């Protein structure tokens, strides 16, 4: 019996999965909405070959453009890792990041003001090599979402768009940041 437990522990550590007879069944990874992404935690710098992303804060915050409602604020820092001037909007970033909850539901940015602020601070920002852009993105928390805590920030990036290749070093350069863990 001890040899079987030792073997199971060896398999888990060597291959990253547990055989069926060791403990409870594990749910399969992924799902209908799962997409491969560069993943990490709050405070961890993630790199997709062009952009370095760090989420520095995630909490309930007052949105200056939407002060009458509860808003979830996610503060990010984005650095250009290319050796040439670059803009997220010109390198495959999709319009607006989303936050997701444990059950898989997502929220888009709160207001038109929050979207314009994100576009000016990040999406259309031309950054020199090593240049940095910082902003806080706001998501209105109302209805059923008001008492929940988001678990992920999702930033969708297409590695090829309109036939143009951007030079990402990973197959899917999108970012997924776990907002419940810290690096």
C-alpha atoms as a PDB file:
ATOM      1  CA  UNK A   1       0.000   0.000   0.000  1.00  0.00           C
ATOM      2  CA  UNK A   2       2.814   2.441   0.867  1.00  0.00           C
ATOM      3  CA  UNK A   3       4.468   1.678  -2.467  1.00  0.00           C
ATOM      4  CA  UNK A   4       1.181   2.543  -4.277  1.00  0.00           C
ATOM      5  CA  UNK A   5       0.917   5.893  -2.412  1.00  0.00           C
ATOM      6  CA  UNK A   6       4.580   6.646  -3.181  1.00  0.00           C
ATOM      7  CA  UNK A   7       4.014   5.830  -6.877  1.00  0.00           C
ATOM      8  CA  UNK A   8       0.883   8.013  -6.995  1.00  0.00           C
ATOM      9  CA  UNK A   9       2.767  10.942  -5.412  1.00  0.00           C
ATOM     10  CA  UNK A  10       5.597  10.449  -7.922  1.00  0.00           C
ATOM     11  CA  UNK A  11       3.144  10.501 -10.848  1.00  0.00           C
ATOM     12  CA  UNK A  12       1.431  13.634  -9.504  1.00  0.00           C
ATOM     13  CA  UNK A  13       4.713  15.511  -9.083  1.00  0.00           C
ATOM     14  CA  UNK A  14       6.267  14.319 -12.341  1.00  0.00           C
ATOM     15  CA  UNK A  15       3.300  14.702 -14.655  1.00  0.00           C
ATOM     16  CA  UNK A  16       1.063  17.234 -12.888  1.00  0.00           C
ATOM     17  CA  UNK A  17      -1.981  14.959 -12.667  1.00  0.00           C
ATOM     18  CA  UNK A  18      -3.343  12.368 -10.317  1.00  0.00           C
ATOM     19  CA  UNK A  19      -4.359   8.878 -11.436  1.00  0.00           C
ATOM     20  CA  UNK A  20      -8.063   8.060 -11.041  1.00  0.00           C
ATOM     21  CA  UNK A  21      -7.572   5.858  -7.999  1.00  0.00           C
ATOM     22  CA  UNK A  22      -5.888   8.600  -5.921  1.00  0.00           C
ATOM     23  CA  UNK A  23      -8.500  10.714  -4.117  1.00  0.00           C
ATOM     24  CA  UNK A  24     -11.546  12.411  -5.610  1.00  0.00           C
ATOM     25  CA  UNK A  25     -12.087  12.952  -9.303  1.00  0.00           C
ATOM     26  CA  UNK A  26     -10.752  16.261 -10.641  1.00  0.00           C
ATOM     27  CA  UNK A  27     -12.878  18.299 -13.049  1.00  0.00           C
ATOM     28  CA  UNK A  28     -11.457  18.643 -16.540  1.00  0.00           C
ATOM     29  CA  UNK A  29      -9.616  21.877 -17.333  1.00  0.00           C
ATOM     30  CA  UNK A  30     -11.096  24.363 -19.749  1.00  0.00           C
ATOM     31  CA  UNK A  31     -14.639  24.379 -20.951  1.00  0.00           C
ATOM     32  CA  UNK A  32     -16.664  26.041 -23.650  1.00  0.00           C
ATOM     33  CA  UNK A  33     -15.389  29.527 -22.803  1.00  0.00           C
ATOM     34  CA  UNK A  34     -11.839  28.654 -21.745  1.00  0.00           C
ATOM     35  CA  UNK A  35      -9.095  30.056 -23.935  1.00  0.00           C
ATOM     36  CA  UNK A  36      -5.360  29.668 -23.558  1.00  0.00           C
ATOM     37  CA  UNK A  37      -3.768  32.791 -22.098  1.00  0.00           C
ATOM     38  CA  UNK A  38      -0.688  34.000 -20.282  1.00  0.00           C
ATOM     39  CA  UNK A  39      -1.771  33.526 -16.648  1.00  0.00           C
ATOM     40  CA  UNK A  40      -0.679  34.816 -13.279  1.00  0.00           C
ATOM     41  CA  UNK A  41      -1.639  36.538 -10.023  1.00  0.00           C
ATOM     42  CA  UNK A  42      -1.907  40.065  -8.630  1.00  0.00           C
ATOM     43  CA  UNK A  43       1.533  41.676  -8.456  1.00  0.00           C
ATOM     44  CA  UNK A  44       3.064  39.239 -10.943  1.00  0.00           C
ATOM     45  CA  UNK A  45       4.469  40.622 -14.190  1.00  0.00           C
ATOM     46  CA  UNK A  46       3.206  38.600 -17.151  1.00  0.00           C
ATOM     47  CA  UNK A  47       4.954  38.730 -20.553  1.00  0.00           C
ATOM     48  CA  UNK A  48       3.559  37.594 -23.899  1.00  0.00           C
ATOM     49  CA  UNK A  49       6.550  38.491 -26.065  1.00  0.00           C
ATOM     50  CA  UNK A  50       5.490  42.113 -26.607  1.00  0.00           C
ATOM     51  CA  UNK A  51       3.641  43.395 -23.532  1.00  0.00           C
ATOM     52  CA  UNK A  52       4.452  43.156 -19.822  1.00  0.00           C
ATOM     53  CA  UNK A  53       1.276  43.359 -17.716  1.00  0.00           C
ATOM     54  CA  UNK A  54       1.093  43.749 -13.947  1.00  0.00           C
ATOM     55  CA  UNK A  55      -2.191  44.028 -12.041  1.00  0.00           C
ATOM     56  CA  UNK A  56      -1.275  46.067  -8.970  1.00  0.00           C
ATOM     57  CA  UNK A  57      -4.665  46.325  -7.248  1.00  0.00           C
ATOM     58  CA  UNK A  58      -8.168  44.872  -7.336  1.00  0.00           C
ATOM     59  CA  UNK A  59     -10.833  46.131  -4.920  1.00  0.00           C
ATOM     60  CA  UNK A  60     -14.070  48.068  -4.494  1.00  0.00           C
ATOM     61  CA  UNK A  61     -13.279  51.670  -5.471  1.00  0.00           C
ATOM     62  CA  UNK A  62     -15.030  54.947  -6.110  1.00  0.00           C
ATOM     63  CA  UNK A  63     -15.230  55.638  -9.819  1.00  0.00           C
ATOM     64  CA  UNK A  64     -15.066  59.429 -10.205  1.00  0.00           C
ATOM     65  CA  UNK A  65     -17.411  59.185 -13.219  1.00  0.00           C
ATOM     66  CA  UNK A  66     -19.891  56.842 -11.487  1.00  0.00           C
ATOM     67  CA  UNK A  67     -19.729  57.717  -7.770  1.00  0.00           C
ATOM     68  CA  UNK A  68     -23.370  56.795  -7.069  1.00  0.00           C
ATOM     69  CA  UNK A  69     -22.711  53.087  -7.700  1.00  0.00           C
ATOM     70  CA  UNK A  70     -20.477  50.426  -6.241  1.00  0.00           C
ATOM     71  CA  UNK A  71     -17.580  49.848  -8.672  1.00  0.00           C
ATOM     72  CA  UNK A  72     -14.869  47.233  -8.780  1.00  0.00           C
ATOM     73  CA  UNK A  73     -11.550  48.807  -9.734  1.00  0.00           C
ATOM     74  CA  UNK A  74      -8.643  46.925 -11.289  1.00  0.00           C
ATOM     75  CA  UNK A  75      -5.380  48.869 -11.538  1.00  0.00           C
ATOM     76  CA  UNK A  76      -2.948  47.766 -14.235  1.00  0.00           C
ATOM     77  CA  UNK A  77       0.491  48.666 -15.483  1.00  0.00           C
ATOM     78  CA  UNK A  78       1.337  47.850 -19.095  1.00  0.00           C
ATOM     79  CA  UNK A  79       4.911  48.079 -20.460  1.00  0.00           C
ATOM     80  CA  UNK A  80       6.117  47.888 -24.043  1.00  0.00           C
ATOM     81  CA  UNK A  81       8.577  44.997 -24.325  1.00  0.00           C
ATOM     82  CA  UNK A  82       9.326  45.613 -28.004  1.00  0.00           C
ATOM     83  CA  UNK A  83      12.366  47.467 -29.305  1.00  0.00           C
ATOM     84  CA  UNK A  84      10.115  49.865 -31.250  1.00  0.00           C
ATOM     85  CA  UNK A  85       7.253  52.235 -30.452  1.00  0.00           C
ATOM     86  CA  UNK A  86       4.021  50.300 -30.025  1.00  0.00           C
ATOM     87  CA  UNK A  87       0.353  50.702 -29.125  1.00  0.00           C
ATOM     88  CA  UNK A  88      -1.974  48.027 -27.672  1.00  0.00           C
ATOM     89  CA  UNK A  89      -4.666  49.030 -30.172  1.00  0.00           C
ATOM     90  CA  UNK A  90      -2.227  48.472 -33.036  1.00  0.00           C
ATOM     91  CA  UNK A  91      -1.004  45.087 -31.782  1.00  0.00           C
ATOM     92  CA  UNK A  92      -4.138  42.965 -31.471  1.00  0.00           C
ATOM     93  CA  UNK A  93      -5.697  44.138 -28.182  1.00  0.00           C
ATOM     94  CA  UNK A  94      -9.463  43.727 -28.316  1.00  0.00           C
ATOM     95  CA  UNK A  95     -11.613  46.622 -27.150  1.00  0.00           C
ATOM     96  CA  UNK A  96     -12.228  46.253 -23.404  1.00  0.00           C
ATOM     97  CA  UNK A  97     -10.940  43.944 -20.667  1.00  0.00           C
ATOM     98  CA  UNK A  98     -13.535  42.059 -18.624  1.00  0.00           C
ATOM     99  CA  UNK A  99     -13.708  40.750 -15.074  1.00  0.00           C
ATOM    100  CA  UNK A 100     -15.085  37.282 -14.392  1.00  0.00           C
ATOM    101  CA  UNK A 101     -16.713  35.653 -11.390  1.00  0.00           C
ATOM    102  CA  UNK A 102     -16.296  32.143  -9.999  1.00  0.00           C
ATOM    103  CA  UNK A 103     -19.357  30.927 -11.949  1.00  0.00           C
ATOM    104  CA  UNK A 104     -17.927  32.160 -15.273  1.00  0.00           C
ATOM    105  CA  UNK A 105     -20.142  35.206 -15.730  1.00  0.00           C
ATOM    106  CA  UNK A 106     -18.334  38.344 -16.863  1.00  0.00           C
ATOM    107  CA  UNK A 107     -18.721  42.097 -16.468  1.00  0.00           C
ATOM    108  CA  UNK A 108     -17.755  44.715 -18.996  1.00  0.00           C
ATOM    109  CA  UNK A 109     -16.508  48.191 -18.078  1.00  0.00           C
ATOM    110  CA  UNK A 110     -19.008  50.256 -16.138  1.00  0.00           C
ATOM    111  CA  UNK A 111     -19.689  53.378 -18.135  1.00  0.00           C
ATOM    112  CA  UNK A 112     -18.813  55.217 -21.307  1.00  0.00           C
ATOM    113  CA  UNK A 113     -16.526  57.413 -19.181  1.00  0.00           C
ATOM    114  CA  UNK A 114     -14.617  54.335 -17.926  1.00  0.00           C
ATOM    115  CA  UNK A 115     -14.264  53.050 -21.494  1.00  0.00           C
ATOM    116  CA  UNK A 116     -12.970  56.384 -22.814  1.00  0.00           C
ATOM    117  CA  UNK A 117     -10.524  56.638 -19.911  1.00  0.00           C
ATOM    118  CA  UNK A 118      -9.202  53.124 -20.661  1.00  0.00           C
ATOM    119  CA  UNK A 119      -8.878  53.932 -24.365  1.00  0.00           C
ATOM    120  CA  UNK A 120      -6.898  57.103 -23.649  1.00  0.00           C
ATOM    121  CA  UNK A 121      -4.709  55.606 -20.914  1.00  0.00           C
ATOM    122  CA  UNK A 122      -4.004  52.193 -22.483  1.00  0.00           C
ATOM    123  CA  UNK A 123      -5.627  51.161 -25.777  1.00  0.00           C
ATOM    124  CA  UNK A 124      -4.515  54.066 -28.007  1.00  0.00           C
ATOM    125  CA  UNK A 125      -1.378  54.929 -26.034  1.00  0.00           C
ATOM    126  CA  UNK A 126       1.813  54.916 -28.133  1.00  0.00           C
ATOM    127  CA  UNK A 127       4.615  53.695 -25.919  1.00  0.00           C
ATOM    128  CA  UNK A 128       8.348  53.827 -26.655  1.00  0.00           C
ATOM    129  CA  UNK A 129      10.484  50.743 -25.926  1.00  0.00           C
ATOM    130  CA  UNK A 130      10.226  50.108 -22.186  1.00  0.00           C
ATOM    131  CA  UNK A 131       7.488  52.759 -21.898  1.00  0.00           C
ATOM    132  CA  UNK A 132       4.726  52.272 -19.348  1.00  0.00           C
ATOM    133  CA  UNK A 133       1.019  53.110 -19.131  1.00  0.00           C
ATOM    134  CA  UNK A 134      -1.045  52.854 -15.949  1.00  0.00           C
ATOM    135  CA  UNK A 135      -4.774  53.075 -15.284  1.00  0.00           C
ATOM    136  CA  UNK A 136      -7.603  51.854 -13.101  1.00  0.00           C
ATOM    137  CA  UNK A 137     -10.451  50.173 -14.944  1.00  0.00           C
ATOM    138  CA  UNK A 138     -13.931  50.370 -13.370  1.00  0.00           C
ATOM    139  CA  UNK A 139     -16.741  47.817 -13.442  1.00  0.00           C
ATOM    140  CA  UNK A 140     -20.161  48.690 -12.001  1.00  0.00           C
ATOM    141  CA  UNK A 141     -21.315  46.161  -9.409  1.00  0.00           C
ATOM    142  CA  UNK A 142     -25.114  46.151  -9.228  1.00  0.00           C
ATOM    143  CA  UNK A 143     -27.927  43.624  -8.933  1.00  0.00           C
ATOM    144  CA  UNK A 144     -26.719  40.089  -8.255  1.00  0.00           C
ATOM    145  CA  UNK A 145     -23.096  41.156  -8.790  1.00  0.00           C
ATOM    146  CA  UNK A 146     -23.098  43.759  -5.996  1.00  0.00           C
ATOM    147  CA  UNK A 147     -22.103  41.300  -3.272  1.00  0.00           C
ATOM    148  CA  UNK A 148     -19.742  39.110  -5.256  1.00  0.00           C
ATOM    149  CA  UNK A 149     -16.001  39.349  -5.735  1.00  0.00           C
ATOM    150  CA  UNK A 150     -14.523  38.908  -9.208  1.00  0.00           C
ATOM    151  CA  UNK A 151     -11.917  36.185  -9.547  1.00  0.00           C
ATOM    152  CA  UNK A 152     -10.246  37.013 -12.891  1.00  0.00           C
ATOM    153  CA  UNK A 153      -9.296  39.843 -15.215  1.00  0.00           C
ATOM    154  CA  UNK A 154      -9.484  38.874 -18.896  1.00  0.00           C
ATOM    155  CA  UNK A 155      -7.660  40.816 -21.594  1.00  0.00           C
ATOM    156  CA  UNK A 156      -8.221  39.433 -25.067  1.00  0.00           C
ATOM    157  CA  UNK A 157      -5.457  39.838 -27.661  1.00  0.00           C
ATOM    158  CA  UNK A 158      -5.413  38.430 -31.188  1.00  0.00           C
ATOM    159  CA  UNK A 159      -1.905  37.368 -32.289  1.00  0.00           C
ATOM    160  CA  UNK A 160      -2.868  37.936 -35.943  1.00  0.00           C
ATOM    161  CA  UNK A 161      -5.475  40.433 -37.091  1.00  0.00           C
ATOM    162  CA  UNK A 162      -6.455  41.420 -40.621  1.00  0.00           C
ATOM    163  CA  UNK A 163      -3.533  39.347 -41.902  1.00  0.00           C
ATOM    164  CA  UNK A 164      -1.005  41.273 -39.821  1.00  0.00           C
ATOM    165  CA  UNK A 165       1.249  39.249 -37.478  1.00  0.00           C
ATOM    166  CA  UNK A 166       2.323  41.172 -34.400  1.00  0.00           C
ATOM    167  CA  UNK A 167       5.299  39.022 -33.341  1.00  0.00           C
ATOM    168  CA  UNK A 168       3.992  37.522 -30.104  1.00  0.00           C
ATOM    169  CA  UNK A 169       6.136  34.685 -28.758  1.00  0.00           C
ATOM    170  CA  UNK A 170       3.177  32.650 -27.426  1.00  0.00           C
ATOM    171  CA  UNK A 171       0.346  31.093 -29.418  1.00  0.00           C
ATOM    172  CA  UNK A 172      -2.348  33.078 -27.566  1.00  0.00           C
ATOM    173  CA  UNK A 173      -1.017  36.322 -26.086  1.00  0.00           C
ATOM    174  CA  UNK A 174      -4.217  37.104 -24.157  1.00  0.00           C
ATOM    175  CA  UNK A 175      -3.862  37.712 -20.417  1.00  0.00           C
ATOM    176  CA  UNK A 176      -5.801  36.025 -17.602  1.00  0.00           C
ATOM    177  CA  UNK A 177      -5.011  37.354 -14.127  1.00  0.00           C
ATOM    178  CA  UNK A 178      -6.280  35.549 -11.024  1.00  0.00           C
ATOM    179  CA  UNK A 179      -7.513  38.322  -8.741  1.00  0.00           C
ATOM    180  CA  UNK A 180      -7.664  36.009  -5.702  1.00  0.00           C
ATOM    181  CA  UNK A 181      -3.944  35.279  -5.409  1.00  0.00           C
ATOM    182  CA  UNK A 182      -0.859  37.452  -4.946  1.00  0.00           C
ATOM    183  CA  UNK A 183       2.630  36.851  -6.288  1.00  0.00           C
END
